[in-house]
Amino acid sequence: MTEPRSRRMEVSEASKPILPRHARLKFDETRQVWVILAPERVLAPDEIAVEILQLCDGARSVADIVDLLAAKYNAPRDDIGNDVIAMLQDLADKGFLTQAREKTP
């Protein structure tokens, strides 16, 4: 039986990803690497993933992030978009990423 996906976000260009409250992106001075710290779990993303995660502030959409990276690296937007969505979906499936909540006035 598969786990219900209702608790996990489906990443699309409209998504506004953010780390959940229980997870933190932090530079580990001892190991000299960036890590995502969560209860009883640690993930060491690669340099590109760290750059993407630093843009996941809950205000930017995935489309905004893809546009920034495509311009920065002068790369085809479709290629960057596919890679970013795949990476973010993997992190969301593992519980390291969530959808930013809309603030109500």
PDB file of N, CA and C in Angstrom:
ATOM      1  N   MET A   1       0.832  -1.168   0.000  1.00  0.00           N
ATOM      2  CA  MET A   1       0.000   0.000   0.000  1.00  0.00           C
ATOM      3  C   MET A   1       0.886   1.244   0.000  1.00  0.00           C
ATOM      4  N   THR A   2       0.514   2.247  -0.771  1.00  0.00           N
ATOM      5  CA  THR A   2       1.326   3.455  -0.846  1.00  0.00           C
ATOM      6  C   THR A   2       0.833   4.479   0.154  1.00  0.00           C
ATOM      7  N   GLU A   3       1.742   5.336   0.560  1.00  0.00           N
ATOM      8  CA  GLU A   3       1.419   6.387   1.520  1.00  0.00           C
ATOM      9  C   GLU A   3       0.535   7.433   0.850  1.00  0.00           C
ATOM     10  N   PRO A   4      -0.523   7.876   1.510  1.00  0.00           N
ATOM     11  CA  PRO A   4      -1.346   8.921   0.920  1.00  0.00           C
ATOM     12  C   PRO A   4      -0.537  10.195   0.747  1.00  0.00           C
ATOM     13  N   ARG A   5      -0.718  10.852  -0.356  1.00  0.00           N
ATOM     14  CA  ARG A   5       0.076  12.030  -0.658  1.00  0.00           C
ATOM     15  C   ARG A   5      -0.588  13.316  -0.182  1.00  0.00           C
ATOM     16  N   SER A   6      -1.681  13.217   0.527  1.00  0.00           N
ATOM     17  CA  SER A   6      -2.405  14.409   0.943  1.00  0.00           C
ATOM     18  C   SER A   6      -1.558  15.320   1.840  1.00  0.00           C
ATOM     19  N   ARG A   7      -0.625  14.763   2.588  1.00  0.00           N
ATOM     20  CA  ARG A   7       0.214  15.568   3.480  1.00  0.00           C
ATOM     21  C   ARG A   7       1.408  16.162   2.764  1.00  0.00           C
ATOM     22  N   ARG A   8       1.710  15.708   1.592  1.00  0.00           N
ATOM     23  CA  ARG A   8       2.865  16.195   0.840  1.00  0.00           C
ATOM     24  C   ARG A   8       2.411  17.136  -0.269  1.00  0.00           C
ATOM     25  N   MET A   9       3.250  18.076  -0.597  1.00  0.00           N
ATOM     26  CA  MET A   9       2.898  19.015  -1.655  1.00  0.00           C
ATOM     27  C   MET A   9       3.212  18.427  -3.021  1.00  0.00           C
ATOM     28  N   GLU A  10       2.437  18.815  -3.984  1.00  0.00           N
ATOM     29  CA  GLU A  10       2.706  18.499  -5.381  1.00  0.00           C
ATOM     30  C   GLU A  10       3.386  19.727  -5.961  1.00  0.00           C
ATOM     31  N   VAL A  11       4.638  19.610  -6.334  1.00  0.00           N
ATOM     32  CA  VAL A  11       5.401  20.765  -6.806  1.00  0.00           C
ATOM     33  C   VAL A  11       5.038  21.073  -8.255  1.00  0.00           C
ATOM     34  N   SER A  12       4.721  22.327  -8.481  1.00  0.00           N
ATOM     35  CA  SER A  12       4.465  22.840  -9.825  1.00  0.00           C
ATOM     36  C   SER A  12       5.097  24.229  -9.896  1.00  0.00           C
ATOM     37  N   GLU A  13       5.038  24.852 -11.056  1.00  0.00           N
ATOM     38  CA  GLU A  13       5.617  26.192 -11.172  1.00  0.00           C
ATOM     39  C   GLU A  13       4.889  27.209 -10.306  1.00  0.00           C
ATOM     40  N   ALA A  14       3.643  26.933  -9.969  1.00  0.00           N
ATOM     41  CA  ALA A  14       2.871  27.862  -9.130  1.00  0.00           C
ATOM     42  C   ALA A  14       3.170  27.687  -7.641  1.00  0.00           C
ATOM     43  N   SER A  15       3.783  26.587  -7.259  1.00  0.00           N
ATOM     44  CA  SER A  15       4.087  26.319  -5.852  1.00  0.00           C
ATOM     45  C   SER A  15       5.012  27.382  -5.288  1.00  0.00           C
ATOM     46  N   LYS A  16       4.833  27.658  -4.004  1.00  0.00           N
ATOM     47  CA  LYS A  16       5.725  28.566  -3.278  1.00  0.00           C
ATOM     48  C   LYS A  16       6.351  27.761  -2.146  1.00  0.00           C
ATOM     49  N   PRO A  17       7.443  27.056  -2.440  1.00  0.00           N
ATOM     50  CA  PRO A  17       8.035  26.144  -1.461  1.00  0.00           C
ATOM     51  C   PRO A  17       8.777  26.865  -0.346  1.00  0.00           C
ATOM     52  N   ILE A  18       8.782  26.194   0.804  1.00  0.00           N
ATOM     53  CA  ILE A  18       9.505  26.685   1.972  1.00  0.00           C
ATOM     54  C   ILE A  18       9.850  25.473   2.833  1.00  0.00           C
ATOM     55  N   LEU A  19      10.917  25.570   3.584  1.00  0.00           N
ATOM     56  CA  LEU A  19      11.226  24.496   4.528  1.00  0.00           C
ATOM     57  C   LEU A  19      10.173  24.503   5.627  1.00  0.00           C
ATOM     58  N   PRO A  20       9.739  23.333   6.075  1.00  0.00           N
ATOM     59  CA  PRO A  20       8.771  23.302   7.169  1.00  0.00           C
ATOM     60  C   PRO A  20       9.397  23.806   8.468  1.00  0.00           C
ATOM     61  N   ARG A  21       8.565  24.120   9.439  1.00  0.00           N
ATOM     62  CA  ARG A  21       9.060  24.675  10.707  1.00  0.00           C
ATOM     63  C   ARG A  21      10.072  23.771  11.396  1.00  0.00           C
ATOM     64  N   HIS A  22       9.949  22.475  11.204  1.00  0.00           N
ATOM     65  CA  HIS A  22      10.840  21.546  11.906  1.00  0.00           C
ATOM     66  C   HIS A  22      12.186  21.354  11.195  1.00  0.00           C
ATOM     67  N   ALA A  23      12.384  21.985  10.051  1.00  0.00           N
ATOM     68  CA  ALA A  23      13.632  21.807   9.289  1.00  0.00           C
ATOM     69  C   ALA A  23      14.351  23.145   9.125  1.00  0.00           C
ATOM     70  N   ARG A  24      15.666  23.095   9.153  1.00  0.00           N
ATOM     71  CA  ARG A  24      16.491  24.299   8.999  1.00  0.00           C
ATOM     72  C   ARG A  24      17.632  24.023   8.029  1.00  0.00           C
ATOM     73  N   LEU A  25      17.893  24.978   7.145  1.00  0.00           N
ATOM     74  CA  LEU A  25      19.065  24.930   6.280  1.00  0.00           C
ATOM     75  C   LEU A  25      20.164  25.678   7.013  1.00  0.00           C
ATOM     76  N   LYS A  26      21.261  24.983   7.281  1.00  0.00           N
ATOM     77  CA  LYS A  26      22.318  25.561   8.111  1.00  0.00           C
ATOM     78  C   LYS A  26      23.678  25.143   7.582  1.00  0.00           C
ATOM     79  N   PHE A  27      24.645  26.048   7.685  1.00  0.00           N
ATOM     80  CA  PHE A  27      26.010  25.701   7.319  1.00  0.00           C
ATOM     81  C   PHE A  27      26.676  25.044   8.507  1.00  0.00           C
ATOM     82  N   ASP A  28      27.167  23.824   8.300  1.00  0.00           N
ATOM     83  CA  ASP A  28      27.846  23.071   9.354  1.00  0.00           C
ATOM     84  C   ASP A  28      29.330  23.446   9.316  1.00  0.00           C
ATOM     85  N   GLU A  29      29.728  24.260  10.282  1.00  0.00           N
ATOM     86  CA  GLU A  29      31.119  24.736  10.334  1.00  0.00           C
ATOM     87  C   GLU A  29      32.117  23.594  10.474  1.00  0.00           C
ATOM     88  N   THR A  30      31.766  22.573  11.225  1.00  0.00           N
ATOM     89  CA  THR A  30      32.681  21.462  11.459  1.00  0.00           C
ATOM     90  C   THR A  30      32.999  20.728  10.166  1.00  0.00           C
ATOM     91  N   ARG A  31      31.956  20.418   9.407  1.00  0.00           N
ATOM     92  CA  ARG A  31      32.142  19.663   8.155  1.00  0.00           C
ATOM     93  C   ARG A  31      32.326  20.551   6.930  1.00  0.00           C
ATOM     94  N   GLN A  32      32.084  21.852   7.102  1.00  0.00           N
ATOM     95  CA  GLN A  32      32.183  22.815   6.012  1.00  0.00           C
ATOM     96  C   GLN A  32      31.226  22.474   4.854  1.00  0.00           C
ATOM     97  N   VAL A  33      29.991  22.097   5.213  1.00  0.00           N
ATOM     98  CA  VAL A  33      28.956  21.803   4.219  1.00  0.00           C
ATOM     99  C   VAL A  33      27.616  22.343   4.716  1.00  0.00           C
ATOM    100  N   TRP A  34      26.722  22.601   3.783  1.00  0.00           N
ATOM    101  CA  TRP A  34      25.359  22.960   4.121  1.00  0.00           C
ATOM    102  C   TRP A  34      24.580  21.689   4.430  1.00  0.00           C
ATOM    103  N   VAL A  35      23.693  21.764   5.422  1.00  0.00           N
ATOM    104  CA  VAL A  35      22.855  20.626   5.776  1.00  0.00           C
ATOM    105  C   VAL A  35      21.437  21.119   6.055  1.00  0.00           C
ATOM    106  N   ILE A  36      20.486  20.216   5.850  1.00  0.00           N
ATOM    107  CA  ILE A  36      19.126  20.450   6.306  1.00  0.00           C
ATOM    108  C   ILE A  36      18.980  19.629   7.580  1.00  0.00           C
ATOM    109  N   LEU A  37      18.693  20.317   8.668  1.00  0.00           N
ATOM    110  CA  LEU A  37      18.510  19.654   9.958  1.00  0.00           C
ATOM    111  C   LEU A  37      17.016  19.505  10.232  1.00  0.00           C
ATOM    112  N   ALA A  38      16.610  18.303  10.558  1.00  0.00           N
ATOM    113  CA  ALA A  38      15.233  18.011  10.936  1.00  0.00           C
ATOM    114  C   ALA A  38      15.308  17.024  12.096  1.00  0.00           C
ATOM    115  N   PRO A  39      14.230  16.888  12.840  1.00  0.00           N
ATOM    116  CA  PRO A  39      14.285  15.953  13.969  1.00  0.00           C
ATOM    117  C   PRO A  39      14.752  14.559  13.539  1.00  0.00           C
ATOM    118  N   GLU A  40      15.836  14.132  14.141  1.00  0.00           N
ATOM    119  CA  GLU A  40      16.428  12.816  13.910  1.00  0.00           C
ATOM    120  C   GLU A  40      16.858  12.562  12.471  1.00  0.00           C
ATOM    121  N   ARG A  41      16.998  13.625  11.679  1.00  0.00           N
ATOM    122  CA  ARG A  41      17.442  13.473  10.290  1.00  0.00           C
ATOM    123  C   ARG A  41      18.339  14.635   9.903  1.00  0.00           C
ATOM    124  N   VAL A  42      19.306  14.322   9.062  1.00  0.00           N
ATOM    125  CA  VAL A  42      20.180  15.342   8.493  1.00  0.00           C
ATOM    126  C   VAL A  42      20.356  15.004   7.026  1.00  0.00           C
ATOM    127  N   LEU A  43      20.258  16.018   6.174  1.00  0.00           N
ATOM    128  CA  LEU A  43      20.459  15.831   4.740  1.00  0.00           C
ATOM    129  C   LEU A  43      21.507  16.829   4.294  1.00  0.00           C
ATOM    130  N   ALA A  44      22.491  16.372   3.529  1.00  0.00           N
ATOM    131  CA  ALA A  44      23.531  17.254   3.013  1.00  0.00           C
ATOM    132  C   ALA A  44      23.315  17.449   1.510  1.00  0.00           C
ATOM    133  N   PRO A  45      22.583  18.500   1.121  1.00  0.00           N
ATOM    134  CA  PRO A  45      22.342  18.740  -0.302  1.00  0.00           C
ATOM    135  C   PRO A  45      23.604  19.222  -1.006  1.00  0.00           C
ATOM    136  N   ASP A  46      23.649  18.988  -2.329  1.00  0.00           N
ATOM    137  CA  ASP A  46      24.806  19.469  -3.087  1.00  0.00           C
ATOM    138  C   ASP A  46      24.704  20.985  -3.285  1.00  0.00           C
ATOM    139  N   GLU A  47      25.737  21.584  -3.888  1.00  0.00           N
ATOM    140  CA  GLU A  47      25.816  23.045  -4.022  1.00  0.00           C
ATOM    141  C   GLU A  47      24.636  23.628  -4.792  1.00  0.00           C
ATOM    142  N   ILE A  48      24.218  22.962  -5.853  1.00  0.00           N
ATOM    143  CA  ILE A  48      23.102  23.464  -6.656  1.00  0.00           C
ATOM    144  C   ILE A  48      21.806  23.396  -5.856  1.00  0.00           C
ATOM    145  N   ALA A  49      21.596  22.306  -5.138  1.00  0.00           N
ATOM    146  CA  ALA A  49      20.402  22.178  -4.312  1.00  0.00           C
ATOM    147  C   ALA A  49      20.377  23.254  -3.227  1.00  0.00           C
ATOM    148  N   VAL A  50      21.525  23.566  -2.637  1.00  0.00           N
ATOM    149  CA  VAL A  50      21.601  24.614  -1.621  1.00  0.00           C
ATOM    150  C   VAL A  50      21.195  25.952  -2.228  1.00  0.00           C
ATOM    151  N   GLU A  51      21.689  26.238  -3.423  1.00  0.00           N
ATOM    152  CA  GLU A  51      21.339  27.503  -4.081  1.00  0.00           C
ATOM    153  C   GLU A  51      19.827  27.598  -4.306  1.00  0.00           C
ATOM    154  N   ILE A  52      19.225  26.501  -4.727  1.00  0.00           N
ATOM    155  CA  ILE A  52      17.772  26.471  -4.944  1.00  0.00           C
ATOM    156  C   ILE A  52      17.043  26.618  -3.615  1.00  0.00           C
ATOM    157  N   LEU A  53      17.477  25.883  -2.597  1.00  0.00           N
ATOM    158  CA  LEU A  53      16.820  25.943  -1.288  1.00  0.00           C
ATOM    159  C   LEU A  53      16.898  27.338  -0.660  1.00  0.00           C
ATOM    160  N   GLN A  54      17.980  28.046  -0.906  1.00  0.00           N
ATOM    161  CA  GLN A  54      18.101  29.400  -0.373  1.00  0.00           C
ATOM    162  C   GLN A  54      17.083  30.341  -1.016  1.00  0.00           C
ATOM    163  N   LEU A  55      16.581  29.971  -2.185  1.00  0.00           N
ATOM    164  CA  LEU A  55      15.556  30.768  -2.863  1.00  0.00           C
ATOM    165  C   LEU A  55      14.137  30.373  -2.445  1.00  0.00           C
ATOM    166  N   CYS A  56      14.006  29.263  -1.740  1.00  0.00           N
ATOM    167  CA  CYS A  56      12.692  28.767  -1.303  1.00  0.00           C
ATOM    168  C   CYS A  56      12.303  29.473  -0.010  1.00  0.00           C
ATOM    169  N   ASP A  57      11.779  30.674  -0.172  1.00  0.00           N
ATOM    170  CA  ASP A  57      11.454  31.497   0.991  1.00  0.00           C
ATOM    171  C   ASP A  57       9.956  31.602   1.265  1.00  0.00           C
ATOM    172  N   GLY A  58       9.151  30.894   0.480  1.00  0.00           N
ATOM    173  CA  GLY A  58       7.711  30.953   0.663  1.00  0.00           C
ATOM    174  C   GLY A  58       7.065  32.123  -0.048  1.00  0.00           C
ATOM    175  N   ALA A  59       7.864  33.064  -0.513  1.00  0.00           N
ATOM    176  CA  ALA A  59       7.345  34.208  -1.264  1.00  0.00           C
ATOM    177  C   ALA A  59       7.515  33.982  -2.766  1.00  0.00           C
ATOM    178  N   ARG A  60       8.641  33.385  -3.135  1.00  0.00           N
ATOM    179  CA  ARG A  60       8.905  33.112  -4.558  1.00  0.00           C
ATOM    180  C   ARG A  60       8.204  31.836  -4.986  1.00  0.00           C
ATOM    181  N   SER A  61       7.673  31.862  -6.194  1.00  0.00           N
ATOM    182  CA  SER A  61       7.111  30.640  -6.772  1.00  0.00           C
ATOM    183  C   SER A  61       8.238  29.851  -7.422  1.00  0.00           C
ATOM    184  N   VAL A  62       7.963  28.609  -7.730  1.00  0.00           N
ATOM    185  CA  VAL A  62       8.940  27.792  -8.442  1.00  0.00           C
ATOM    186  C   VAL A  62       9.261  28.449  -9.789  1.00  0.00           C
ATOM    187  N   ALA A  63       8.263  29.019 -10.445  1.00  0.00           N
ATOM    188  CA  ALA A  63       8.493  29.714 -11.723  1.00  0.00           C
ATOM    189  C   ALA A  63       9.492  30.857 -11.541  1.00  0.00           C
ATOM    190  N   ASP A  64       9.361  31.619 -10.439  1.00  0.00           N
ATOM    191  CA  ASP A  64      10.307  32.710 -10.162  1.00  0.00           C
ATOM    192  C   ASP A  64      11.719  32.167  -9.963  1.00  0.00           C
ATOM    193  N   ILE A  65      11.829  31.071  -9.229  1.00  0.00           N
ATOM    194  CA  ILE A  65      13.135  30.459  -8.965  1.00  0.00           C
ATOM    195  C   ILE A  65      13.766  29.983 -10.269  1.00  0.00           C
ATOM    196  N   VAL A  66      12.966  29.333 -11.108  1.00  0.00           N
ATOM    197  CA  VAL A  66      13.467  28.839 -12.395  1.00  0.00           C
ATOM    198  C   VAL A  66      13.933  30.010 -13.261  1.00  0.00           C
ATOM    199  N   ASP A  67      13.148  31.081 -13.302  1.00  0.00           N
ATOM    200  CA  ASP A  67      13.534  32.260 -14.091  1.00  0.00           C
ATOM    201  C   ASP A  67      14.867  32.834 -13.621  1.00  0.00           C
ATOM    202  N   LEU A  68      15.040  32.950 -12.296  1.00  0.00           N
ATOM    203  CA  LEU A  68      16.295  33.471 -11.747  1.00  0.00           C
ATOM    204  C   LEU A  68      17.486  32.603 -12.135  1.00  0.00           C
ATOM    205  N   LEU A  69      17.326  31.295 -11.993  1.00  0.00           N
ATOM    206  CA  LEU A  69      18.431  30.382 -12.301  1.00  0.00           C
ATOM    207  C   LEU A  69      18.724  30.328 -13.798  1.00  0.00           C
ATOM    208  N   ALA A  70      17.689  30.346 -14.622  1.00  0.00           N
ATOM    209  CA  ALA A  70      17.892  30.321 -16.077  1.00  0.00           C
ATOM    210  C   ALA A  70      18.656  31.563 -16.526  1.00  0.00           C
ATOM    211  N   ALA A  71      18.323  32.721 -15.943  1.00  0.00           N
ATOM    212  CA  ALA A  71      19.025  33.955 -16.285  1.00  0.00           C
ATOM    213  C   ALA A  71      20.460  33.933 -15.756  1.00  0.00           C
ATOM    214  N   LYS A  72      20.635  33.487 -14.519  1.00  0.00           N
ATOM    215  CA  LYS A  72      21.968  33.464 -13.910  1.00  0.00           C
ATOM    216  C   LYS A  72      22.931  32.566 -14.674  1.00  0.00           C
ATOM    217  N   TYR A  73      22.435  31.393 -15.095  1.00  0.00           N
ATOM    218  CA  TYR A  73      23.314  30.424 -15.754  1.00  0.00           C
ATOM    219  C   TYR A  73      23.184  30.426 -17.270  1.00  0.00           C
ATOM    220  N   ASN A  74      22.367  31.351 -17.794  1.00  0.00           N
ATOM    221  CA  ASN A  74      22.164  31.450 -19.239  1.00  0.00           C
ATOM    222  C   ASN A  74      21.878  30.063 -19.823  1.00  0.00           C
ATOM    223  N   ALA A  75      20.924  29.396 -19.215  1.00  0.00           N
ATOM    224  CA  ALA A  75      20.576  28.021 -19.589  1.00  0.00           C
ATOM    225  C   ALA A  75      19.117  27.971 -20.040  1.00  0.00           C
ATOM    226  N   PRO A  76      18.760  26.943 -20.824  1.00  0.00           N
ATOM    227  CA  PRO A  76      17.371  26.815 -21.274  1.00  0.00           C
ATOM    228  C   PRO A  76      16.416  26.669 -20.086  1.00  0.00           C
ATOM    229  N   ARG A  77      15.390  27.505 -20.074  1.00  0.00           N
ATOM    230  CA  ARG A  77      14.440  27.524 -18.965  1.00  0.00           C
ATOM    231  C   ARG A  77      13.772  26.166 -18.765  1.00  0.00           C
ATOM    232  N   ASP A  78      13.403  25.481 -19.844  1.00  0.00           N
ATOM    233  CA  ASP A  78      12.735  24.185 -19.718  1.00  0.00           C
ATOM    234  C   ASP A  78      13.621  23.162 -19.012  1.00  0.00           C
ATOM    235  N   ASP A  79      14.901  23.152 -19.358  1.00  0.00           N
ATOM    236  CA  ASP A  79      15.828  22.205 -18.719  1.00  0.00           C
ATOM    237  C   ASP A  79      15.957  22.499 -17.225  1.00  0.00           C
ATOM    238  N   ILE A  80      16.162  23.784 -16.903  1.00  0.00           N
ATOM    239  CA  ILE A  80      16.288  24.180 -15.499  1.00  0.00           C
ATOM    240  C   ILE A  80      14.986  23.857 -14.765  1.00  0.00           C
ATOM    241  N   GLY A  81      13.868  24.182 -15.377  1.00  0.00           N
ATOM    242  CA  GLY A  81      12.565  23.953 -14.745  1.00  0.00           C
ATOM    243  C   GLY A  81      12.329  22.495 -14.407  1.00  0.00           C
ATOM    244  N   ASN A  82      12.618  21.611 -15.350  1.00  0.00           N
ATOM    245  CA  ASN A  82      12.432  20.174 -15.102  1.00  0.00           C
ATOM    246  C   ASN A  82      13.300  19.696 -13.954  1.00  0.00           C
ATOM    247  N   ASP A  83      14.545  20.137 -13.931  1.00  0.00           N
ATOM    248  CA  ASP A  83      15.467  19.717 -12.867  1.00  0.00           C
ATOM    249  C   ASP A  83      15.052  20.276 -11.507  1.00  0.00           C
ATOM    250  N   VAL A  84      14.660  21.540 -11.464  1.00  0.00           N
ATOM    251  CA  VAL A  84      14.264  22.174 -10.200  1.00  0.00           C
ATOM    252  C   VAL A  84      13.014  21.499  -9.647  1.00  0.00           C
ATOM    253  N   ILE A  85      12.013  21.284 -10.504  1.00  0.00           N
ATOM    254  CA  ILE A  85      10.776  20.651 -10.043  1.00  0.00           C
ATOM    255  C   ILE A  85      11.054  19.240  -9.536  1.00  0.00           C
ATOM    256  N   ALA A  86      11.865  18.478 -10.248  1.00  0.00           N
ATOM    257  CA  ALA A  86      12.190  17.110  -9.818  1.00  0.00           C
ATOM    258  C   ALA A  86      12.891  17.118  -8.460  1.00  0.00           C
ATOM    259  N   MET A  87      13.855  18.015  -8.283  1.00  0.00           N
ATOM    260  CA  MET A  87      14.585  18.079  -7.021  1.00  0.00           C
ATOM    261  C   MET A  87      13.666  18.496  -5.878  1.00  0.00           C
ATOM    262  N   LEU A  88      12.855  19.533  -6.100  1.00  0.00           N
ATOM    263  CA  LEU A  88      11.951  20.001  -5.053  1.00  0.00           C
ATOM    264  C   LEU A  88      10.897  18.956  -4.713  1.00  0.00           C
ATOM    265  N   GLN A  89      10.412  18.227  -5.724  1.00  0.00           N
ATOM    266  CA  GLN A  89       9.418  17.189  -5.455  1.00  0.00           C
ATOM    267  C   GLN A  89      10.025  16.076  -4.608  1.00  0.00           C
ATOM    268  N   ASP A  90      11.269  15.720  -4.896  1.00  0.00           N
ATOM    269  CA  ASP A  90      11.951  14.690  -4.101  1.00  0.00           C
ATOM    270  C   ASP A  90      12.069  15.135  -2.638  1.00  0.00           C
ATOM    271  N   LEU A  91      12.452  16.382  -2.415  1.00  0.00           N
ATOM    272  CA  LEU A  91      12.558  16.893  -1.046  1.00  0.00           C
ATOM    273  C   LEU A  91      11.188  16.965  -0.372  1.00  0.00           C
ATOM    274  N   ALA A  92      10.169  17.352  -1.114  1.00  0.00           N
ATOM    275  CA  ALA A  92       8.810  17.405  -0.556  1.00  0.00           C
ATOM    276  C   ALA A  92       8.341  16.010  -0.174  1.00  0.00           C
ATOM    277  N   ASP A  93       8.627  15.036  -1.029  1.00  0.00           N
ATOM    278  CA  ASP A  93       8.222  13.655  -0.741  1.00  0.00           C
ATOM    279  C   ASP A  93       8.898  13.117   0.519  1.00  0.00           C
ATOM    280  N   LYS A  94      10.095  13.613   0.817  1.00  0.00           N
ATOM    281  CA  LYS A  94      10.833  13.174   2.008  1.00  0.00           C
ATOM    282  C   LYS A  94      10.499  14.012   3.239  1.00  0.00           C
ATOM    283  N   GLY A  95       9.622  15.002   3.079  1.00  0.00           N
ATOM    284  CA  GLY A  95       9.210  15.825   4.207  1.00  0.00           C
ATOM    285  C   GLY A  95      10.119  17.002   4.511  1.00  0.00           C
ATOM    286  N   PHE A  96      11.040  17.329   3.604  1.00  0.00           N
ATOM    287  CA  PHE A  96      11.956  18.438   3.822  1.00  0.00           C
ATOM    288  C   PHE A  96      11.475  19.740   3.195  1.00  0.00           C
ATOM    289  N   LEU A  97      10.293  19.744   2.600  1.00  0.00           N
ATOM    290  CA  LEU A  97       9.794  20.930   1.920  1.00  0.00           C
ATOM    291  C   LEU A  97       8.278  20.934   2.003  1.00  0.00           C
ATOM    292  N   THR A  98       7.707  22.113   2.114  1.00  0.00           N
ATOM    293  CA  THR A  98       6.257  22.238   2.173  1.00  0.00           C
ATOM    294  C   THR A  98       5.820  23.461   1.383  1.00  0.00           C
ATOM    295  N   GLN A  99       4.521  23.601   1.217  1.00  0.00           N
ATOM    296  CA  GLN A  99       3.938  24.732   0.507  1.00  0.00           C
ATOM    297  C   GLN A  99       3.743  25.875   1.498  1.00  0.00           C
ATOM    298  N   ALA A 100       4.153  27.079   1.118  1.00  0.00           N
ATOM    299  CA  ALA A 100       3.929  28.250   1.985  1.00  0.00           C
ATOM    300  C   ALA A 100       2.426  28.478   2.106  1.00  0.00           C
ATOM    301  N   ARG A 101       2.018  28.827   3.278  1.00  0.00           N
ATOM    302  CA  ARG A 101       0.593  29.101   3.501  1.00  0.00           C
ATOM    303  C   ARG A 101       0.294  30.538   3.142  1.00  0.00           C
ATOM    304  N   GLU A 102      -0.843  30.727   2.519  1.00  0.00           N
ATOM    305  CA  GLU A 102      -1.275  32.091   2.186  1.00  0.00           C
ATOM    306  C   GLU A 102      -1.654  32.802   3.480  1.00  0.00           C
ATOM    307  N   LYS A 103      -1.209  34.025   3.614  1.00  0.00           N
ATOM    308  CA  LYS A 103      -1.546  34.793   4.807  1.00  0.00           C
ATOM    309  C   LYS A 103      -2.917  35.415   4.615  1.00  0.00           C
ATOM    310  N   THR A 104      -3.748  35.268   5.601  1.00  0.00           N
ATOM    311  CA  THR A 104      -5.080  35.850   5.526  1.00  0.00           C
ATOM    312  C   THR A 104      -5.052  37.242   6.163  1.00  0.00           C
ATOM    313  N   PRO A 105      -5.760  38.190   5.537  1.00  0.00           N
ATOM    314  CA  PRO A 105      -5.734  39.560   6.058  1.00  0.00           C
ATOM    315  C   PRO A 105      -6.447  39.679   7.381  1.00  0.00           C
TER     316      PRO A 105
END
